[in-house]
Protein backbone atom coordinates (compact mmCIF):
# COMPACT_ATOMS: atom_id res chain seq x y z
CA UNK A 1 0.00 0.00 0.00
CA UNK A 2 1.32 3.44 -0.96
CA UNK A 3 2.01 5.96 1.79
CA UNK A 4 -0.29 8.97 1.18
CA UNK A 5 2.26 11.36 2.68
CA UNK A 6 4.48 10.89 -0.41
CA UNK A 7 1.75 11.77 -2.93
CA UNK A 8 2.04 15.32 -4.25
CA UNK A 9 -1.36 17.03 -4.54
CA UNK A 10 -2.29 18.44 -7.93
CA UNK A 11 -1.62 22.17 -7.91
CA UNK A 12 -4.03 24.64 -9.46
CA UNK A 13 -2.92 28.10 -10.53
CA UNK A 14 -5.38 30.96 -10.98
CA UNK A 15 -5.23 33.72 -13.54
CA UNK A 16 -7.53 36.73 -13.74
CA UNK A 17 -8.42 37.98 -17.23
CA UNK A 18 -9.72 41.51 -17.80
CA UNK A 19 -12.11 41.92 -20.74
CA UNK A 20 -13.23 45.12 -22.48
CA UNK A 21 -17.02 44.89 -22.92
CA UNK A 22 -17.31 41.14 -23.69
CA UNK A 23 -20.43 39.71 -25.36
CA UNK A 24 -21.92 38.49 -22.07
CA UNK A 25 -21.45 41.96 -20.45
CA UNK A 26 -21.46 44.40 -23.38
CA UNK A 27 -21.84 47.49 -21.17
CA UNK A 28 -19.05 46.70 -18.69
CA UNK A 29 -15.44 45.77 -18.16
CA UNK A 30 -15.28 42.27 -16.71
CA UNK A 31 -12.62 40.33 -14.85
CA UNK A 32 -12.91 36.53 -14.65
CA UNK A 33 -10.81 33.95 -12.81
CA UNK A 34 -9.56 30.95 -14.76
CA UNK A 35 -7.95 27.87 -13.20
CA UNK A 36 -4.90 26.38 -14.86
CA UNK A 37 -4.96 22.71 -13.89
CA UNK A 38 -2.00 21.59 -15.98
CA UNK A 39 -0.19 23.02 -19.01
CA UNK A 40 -2.75 23.76 -21.70
CA UNK A 41 -5.76 22.87 -19.53
CA UNK A 42 -7.76 25.88 -18.32
CA UNK A 43 -11.17 25.96 -16.69
CA UNK A 44 -13.37 29.05 -16.51
CA UNK A 45 -14.81 29.82 -13.07
CA UNK A 46 -17.86 31.77 -11.93
CA UNK A 47 -15.61 34.26 -10.09
CA UNK A 48 -16.11 37.60 -11.84
CA UNK A 49 -16.02 41.33 -11.17
CA UNK A 50 -17.70 44.07 -13.20
CA UNK A 51 -16.93 47.78 -13.55
CA UNK A 52 -17.64 50.75 -15.77
CA UNK A 53 -13.99 51.62 -16.50
CA UNK A 54 -10.68 49.86 -16.88
CA UNK A 55 -9.30 51.75 -13.88
CA UNK A 56 -12.21 50.56 -11.72
CA UNK A 57 -11.89 46.90 -12.74
CA UNK A 58 -8.15 46.97 -11.99
CA UNK A 59 -9.05 47.83 -8.38
CA UNK A 60 -10.60 44.34 -8.17
CA UNK A 61 -7.36 42.53 -9.02
CA UNK A 62 -6.21 40.51 -5.99
CA UNK A 63 -3.05 41.97 -4.42
CA UNK A 64 0.36 40.55 -5.26
CA UNK A 65 -0.34 39.57 -8.87
CA UNK A 66 1.73 40.40 -11.95
CA UNK A 67 0.20 41.88 -15.12
CA UNK A 68 0.80 40.36 -18.55
CA UNK A 69 -0.20 42.26 -21.66
CA UNK A 70 -2.45 40.46 -24.09
CA UNK A 71 -0.93 38.33 -26.83
CA UNK A 72 -1.63 39.36 -30.43
CA UNK A 73 -3.66 36.16 -30.99
CA UNK A 74 -5.88 36.69 -27.92
CA UNK A 75 -9.55 37.49 -28.34
CA UNK A 76 -9.75 41.24 -29.13
CA UNK A 77 -11.79 41.95 -25.99
CA UNK A 78 -8.99 40.68 -23.70
CA UNK A 79 -7.14 43.65 -22.21
CA UNK A 80 -4.66 41.90 -19.90
CA UNK A 81 -4.06 38.87 -17.71
CA UNK A 82 -2.99 38.87 -14.05
CA UNK A 83 -1.01 35.97 -12.55
C-alpha atoms as a PDB file:
ATOM      1  CA  UNK A   1       0.000   0.000   0.000  1.00  0.00           C
ATOM      2  CA  UNK A   2       1.321   3.444  -0.962  1.00  0.00           C
ATOM      3  CA  UNK A   3       2.013   5.963   1.793  1.00  0.00           C
ATOM      4  CA  UNK A   4      -0.295   8.971   1.182  1.00  0.00           C
ATOM      5  CA  UNK A   5       2.263  11.361   2.676  1.00  0.00           C
ATOM      6  CA  UNK A   6       4.485  10.888  -0.406  1.00  0.00           C
ATOM      7  CA  UNK A   7       1.750  11.769  -2.925  1.00  0.00           C
ATOM      8  CA  UNK A   8       2.042  15.323  -4.249  1.00  0.00           C
ATOM      9  CA  UNK A   9      -1.356  17.030  -4.537  1.00  0.00           C
ATOM     10  CA  UNK A  10      -2.286  18.438  -7.927  1.00  0.00           C
ATOM     11  CA  UNK A  11      -1.616  22.169  -7.914  1.00  0.00           C
ATOM     12  CA  UNK A  12      -4.035  24.640  -9.460  1.00  0.00           C
ATOM     13  CA  UNK A  13      -2.922  28.103 -10.532  1.00  0.00           C
ATOM     14  CA  UNK A  14      -5.376  30.962 -10.982  1.00  0.00           C
ATOM     15  CA  UNK A  15      -5.233  33.722 -13.538  1.00  0.00           C
ATOM     16  CA  UNK A  16      -7.532  36.732 -13.744  1.00  0.00           C
ATOM     17  CA  UNK A  17      -8.419  37.981 -17.229  1.00  0.00           C
ATOM     18  CA  UNK A  18      -9.716  41.507 -17.802  1.00  0.00           C
ATOM     19  CA  UNK A  19     -12.112  41.919 -20.736  1.00  0.00           C
ATOM     20  CA  UNK A  20     -13.229  45.118 -22.479  1.00  0.00           C
ATOM     21  CA  UNK A  21     -17.022  44.887 -22.918  1.00  0.00           C
ATOM     22  CA  UNK A  22     -17.310  41.136 -23.691  1.00  0.00           C
ATOM     23  CA  UNK A  23     -20.427  39.708 -25.357  1.00  0.00           C
ATOM     24  CA  UNK A  24     -21.925  38.488 -22.070  1.00  0.00           C
ATOM     25  CA  UNK A  25     -21.455  41.960 -20.452  1.00  0.00           C
ATOM     26  CA  UNK A  26     -21.459  44.402 -23.382  1.00  0.00           C
ATOM     27  CA  UNK A  27     -21.838  47.493 -21.170  1.00  0.00           C
ATOM     28  CA  UNK A  28     -19.051  46.697 -18.692  1.00  0.00           C
ATOM     29  CA  UNK A  29     -15.444  45.768 -18.163  1.00  0.00           C
ATOM     30  CA  UNK A  30     -15.281  42.272 -16.706  1.00  0.00           C
ATOM     31  CA  UNK A  31     -12.624  40.325 -14.848  1.00  0.00           C
ATOM     32  CA  UNK A  32     -12.908  36.527 -14.649  1.00  0.00           C
ATOM     33  CA  UNK A  33     -10.815  33.950 -12.810  1.00  0.00           C
ATOM     34  CA  UNK A  34      -9.563  30.945 -14.757  1.00  0.00           C
ATOM     35  CA  UNK A  35      -7.951  27.872 -13.196  1.00  0.00           C
ATOM     36  CA  UNK A  36      -4.902  26.379 -14.862  1.00  0.00           C
ATOM     37  CA  UNK A  37      -4.962  22.712 -13.886  1.00  0.00           C
ATOM     38  CA  UNK A  38      -1.996  21.594 -15.983  1.00  0.00           C
ATOM     39  CA  UNK A  39      -0.187  23.017 -19.006  1.00  0.00           C
ATOM     40  CA  UNK A  40      -2.749  23.756 -21.697  1.00  0.00           C
ATOM     41  CA  UNK A  41      -5.764  22.865 -19.526  1.00  0.00           C
ATOM     42  CA  UNK A  42      -7.758  25.876 -18.325  1.00  0.00           C
ATOM     43  CA  UNK A  43     -11.166  25.965 -16.693  1.00  0.00           C
ATOM     44  CA  UNK A  44     -13.370  29.046 -16.513  1.00  0.00           C
ATOM     45  CA  UNK A  45     -14.813  29.819 -13.071  1.00  0.00           C
ATOM     46  CA  UNK A  46     -17.865  31.774 -11.932  1.00  0.00           C
ATOM     47  CA  UNK A  47     -15.606  34.260 -10.088  1.00  0.00           C
ATOM     48  CA  UNK A  48     -16.114  37.599 -11.837  1.00  0.00           C
ATOM     49  CA  UNK A  49     -16.020  41.331 -11.169  1.00  0.00           C
ATOM     50  CA  UNK A  50     -17.703  44.067 -13.201  1.00  0.00           C
ATOM     51  CA  UNK A  51     -16.928  47.779 -13.547  1.00  0.00           C
ATOM     52  CA  UNK A  52     -17.639  50.746 -15.768  1.00  0.00           C
ATOM     53  CA  UNK A  53     -13.993  51.623 -16.495  1.00  0.00           C
ATOM     54  CA  UNK A  54     -10.678  49.862 -16.878  1.00  0.00           C
ATOM     55  CA  UNK A  55      -9.298  51.754 -13.882  1.00  0.00           C
ATOM     56  CA  UNK A  56     -12.207  50.563 -11.725  1.00  0.00           C
ATOM     57  CA  UNK A  57     -11.889  46.904 -12.740  1.00  0.00           C
ATOM     58  CA  UNK A  58      -8.151  46.971 -11.990  1.00  0.00           C
ATOM     59  CA  UNK A  59      -9.045  47.835  -8.381  1.00  0.00           C
ATOM     60  CA  UNK A  60     -10.602  44.340  -8.169  1.00  0.00           C
ATOM     61  CA  UNK A  61      -7.356  42.529  -9.024  1.00  0.00           C
ATOM     62  CA  UNK A  62      -6.211  40.513  -5.993  1.00  0.00           C
ATOM     63  CA  UNK A  63      -3.049  41.967  -4.421  1.00  0.00           C
ATOM     64  CA  UNK A  64       0.360  40.550  -5.257  1.00  0.00           C
ATOM     65  CA  UNK A  65      -0.344  39.567  -8.871  1.00  0.00           C
ATOM     66  CA  UNK A  66       1.731  40.398 -11.950  1.00  0.00           C
ATOM     67  CA  UNK A  67       0.202  41.878 -15.120  1.00  0.00           C
ATOM     68  CA  UNK A  68       0.801  40.363 -18.547  1.00  0.00           C
ATOM     69  CA  UNK A  69      -0.199  42.265 -21.658  1.00  0.00           C
ATOM     70  CA  UNK A  70      -2.448  40.464 -24.090  1.00  0.00           C
ATOM     71  CA  UNK A  71      -0.930  38.333 -26.834  1.00  0.00           C
ATOM     72  CA  UNK A  72      -1.629  39.356 -30.429  1.00  0.00           C
ATOM     73  CA  UNK A  73      -3.655  36.156 -30.992  1.00  0.00           C
ATOM     74  CA  UNK A  74      -5.881  36.686 -27.919  1.00  0.00           C
ATOM     75  CA  UNK A  75      -9.554  37.494 -28.340  1.00  0.00           C
ATOM     76  CA  UNK A  76      -9.750  41.237 -29.129  1.00  0.00           C
ATOM     77  CA  UNK A  77     -11.794  41.953 -25.988  1.00  0.00           C
ATOM     78  CA  UNK A  78      -8.991  40.677 -23.696  1.00  0.00           C
ATOM     79  CA  UNK A  79      -7.139  43.648 -22.205  1.00  0.00           C
ATOM     80  CA  UNK A  80      -4.656  41.898 -19.904  1.00  0.00           C
ATOM     81  CA  UNK A  81      -4.056  38.872 -17.707  1.00  0.00           C
ATOM     82  CA  UNK A  82      -2.987  38.872 -14.053  1.00  0.00           C
ATOM     83  CA  UNK A  83      -1.014  35.968 -12.547  1.00  0.00           C
END
